[in-house]
């Protein structure tokens, strides 16, 4: 396997459920011990992102970063930014351009590496 995925239900409970926090941190520790990246699914708030970062999680997915987009829109973004933009620049661009391209065929839901933020 190439990564360990942590179900979004653990992220949704961060800060309010000590067991969920402990399990999440243990899975991240297991990934580190095996040299396998850990992907946190369902990150929807800045607090959840902060928790994942503080726990050592390397990859995230979730609506806090945007909904899945079409391959066409992804190409447009890469052209405009000459590569992958930072999260903050992408959100500003998305807001400026009112981009809501959710009905087009979707690009694979690739995780966002926290090192790129």
Protein backbone atom coordinates (compact mmCIF):
# COMPACT_ATOMS: atom_id res chain seq x y z
CA UNK A 1 0.00 0.00 0.00
CA UNK A 2 1.18 3.53 -0.69
CA UNK A 3 -0.61 5.46 2.10
CA UNK A 4 -2.77 5.03 5.16
CA UNK A 5 -6.15 6.77 5.00
CA UNK A 6 -7.81 7.96 8.18
CA UNK A 7 -11.58 8.14 7.90
CA UNK A 8 -13.12 11.60 8.21
CA UNK A 9 -15.12 10.53 11.25
CA UNK A 10 -11.94 10.76 13.35
CA UNK A 11 -11.20 14.27 12.08
CA UNK A 12 -14.80 15.35 12.69
CA UNK A 13 -14.39 14.45 16.38
CA UNK A 14 -11.07 16.20 16.97
CA UNK A 15 -10.98 18.24 20.13
CA UNK A 16 -14.20 16.75 21.45
CA UNK A 17 -13.33 13.07 21.75
CA UNK A 18 -10.06 12.03 23.40
CA UNK A 19 -10.26 8.51 22.00
CA UNK A 20 -10.65 9.75 18.43
CA UNK A 21 -7.71 12.13 18.95
CA UNK A 22 -5.58 9.30 20.35
CA UNK A 23 -6.46 6.92 17.51
CA UNK A 24 -5.68 9.57 14.90
CA UNK A 25 -2.31 10.35 16.48
CA UNK A 26 -1.52 6.63 16.81
CA UNK A 27 -2.26 6.03 13.12
CA UNK A 28 -0.03 8.97 12.16
CA UNK A 29 2.69 7.48 14.39
CA UNK A 30 2.27 4.09 12.73
CA UNK A 31 2.62 5.72 9.32
CA UNK A 32 5.81 7.47 10.41
CA UNK A 33 7.23 4.20 11.78
CA UNK A 34 6.48 2.46 8.47
CA UNK A 35 7.60 5.44 6.33
CA UNK A 36 4.11 5.54 4.80
CA UNK A 37 2.28 8.86 4.44
CA UNK A 38 -1.00 9.26 6.31
CA UNK A 39 -3.97 10.89 4.58
CA UNK A 40 -6.64 12.58 6.70
CA UNK A 41 -9.96 12.57 4.90
CA UNK A 42 -12.83 14.97 5.58
CA UNK A 43 -10.86 18.02 6.75
CA UNK A 44 -13.48 20.77 6.69
CA UNK A 45 -12.31 23.41 9.19
CA UNK A 46 -9.13 25.27 10.02
CA UNK A 47 -9.16 23.68 13.50
CA UNK A 48 -9.18 20.22 11.91
CA UNK A 49 -6.32 21.23 9.61
CA UNK A 50 -4.34 22.54 12.60
CA UNK A 51 -4.94 19.27 14.47
CA UNK A 52 -3.80 17.18 11.50
CA UNK A 53 -0.65 19.29 11.06
CA UNK A 54 0.16 19.21 14.79
CA UNK A 55 -0.27 15.43 14.77
CA UNK A 56 2.29 15.06 11.97
CA UNK A 57 -0.18 14.11 9.24
CA UNK A 58 1.35 14.61 5.78
CA UNK A 59 -1.66 14.66 3.45
CA UNK A 60 -5.22 15.95 3.69
CA UNK A 61 -8.44 15.96 1.70
CA UNK A 62 -11.66 17.77 2.41
CA UNK A 63 -14.02 20.57 1.57
CA UNK A 64 -11.92 23.06 3.56
CA UNK A 65 -9.72 23.09 0.46
CA UNK A 66 -12.43 22.94 -2.17
CA UNK A 67 -14.70 20.47 -3.83
CA UNK A 68 -13.50 18.14 -6.59
CA UNK A 69 -12.97 19.99 -9.86
CA UNK A 70 -12.91 19.03 -13.51
CA UNK A 71 -9.70 18.19 -15.32
CA UNK A 72 -10.30 21.21 -17.58
CA UNK A 73 -10.47 23.58 -14.62
CA UNK A 74 -7.42 21.97 -13.05
CA UNK A 75 -5.47 22.61 -16.27
CA UNK A 76 -6.66 26.23 -16.27
CA UNK A 77 -5.48 26.71 -12.69
CA UNK A 78 -2.07 25.21 -13.43
CA UNK A 79 -1.69 27.52 -16.44
CA UNK A 80 -2.71 30.62 -14.52
CA UNK A 81 -0.40 29.89 -11.58
CA UNK A 82 2.41 28.28 -13.59
CA UNK A 83 2.04 25.16 -11.49
CA UNK A 84 0.23 24.41 -8.26
CA UNK A 85 -0.81 27.49 -6.26
CA UNK A 86 -0.70 27.77 -2.50
CA UNK A 87 -4.02 27.12 -0.81
CA UNK A 88 -4.49 30.79 0.08
CA UNK A 89 -3.80 31.97 -3.49
CA UNK A 90 -6.13 29.31 -4.94
CA UNK A 91 -9.00 30.23 -2.62
CA UNK A 92 -8.59 33.92 -3.51
CA UNK A 93 -8.51 33.08 -7.23
CA UNK A 94 -11.54 30.82 -6.90
CA UNK A 95 -13.49 33.54 -5.09
CA UNK A 96 -12.46 36.23 -7.61
CA UNK A 97 -13.48 34.06 -10.54
CA UNK A 98 -16.62 32.65 -8.89
CA UNK A 99 -15.53 29.16 -9.95
CA UNK A 100 -18.10 26.51 -9.15
CA UNK A 101 -17.33 23.90 -11.78
CA UNK A 102 -18.85 20.98 -9.88
CA UNK A 103 -20.98 19.38 -12.57
CA UNK A 104 -18.20 18.69 -15.07
CA UNK A 105 -16.36 15.35 -15.07
CA UNK A 106 -14.16 15.30 -11.98
CA UNK A 107 -10.43 14.93 -11.69
CA UNK A 108 -9.23 12.19 -9.37
CA UNK A 109 -9.56 13.45 -5.79
CA UNK A 110 -5.82 13.68 -5.12
CA UNK A 111 -4.70 14.56 -1.60
CA UNK A 112 -3.10 17.88 -0.78
CA UNK A 113 0.37 17.63 0.70
CA UNK A 114 0.63 19.77 3.80
CA UNK A 115 4.20 20.71 2.88
CA UNK A 116 2.76 22.72 -0.03
CA UNK A 117 0.75 25.02 2.26
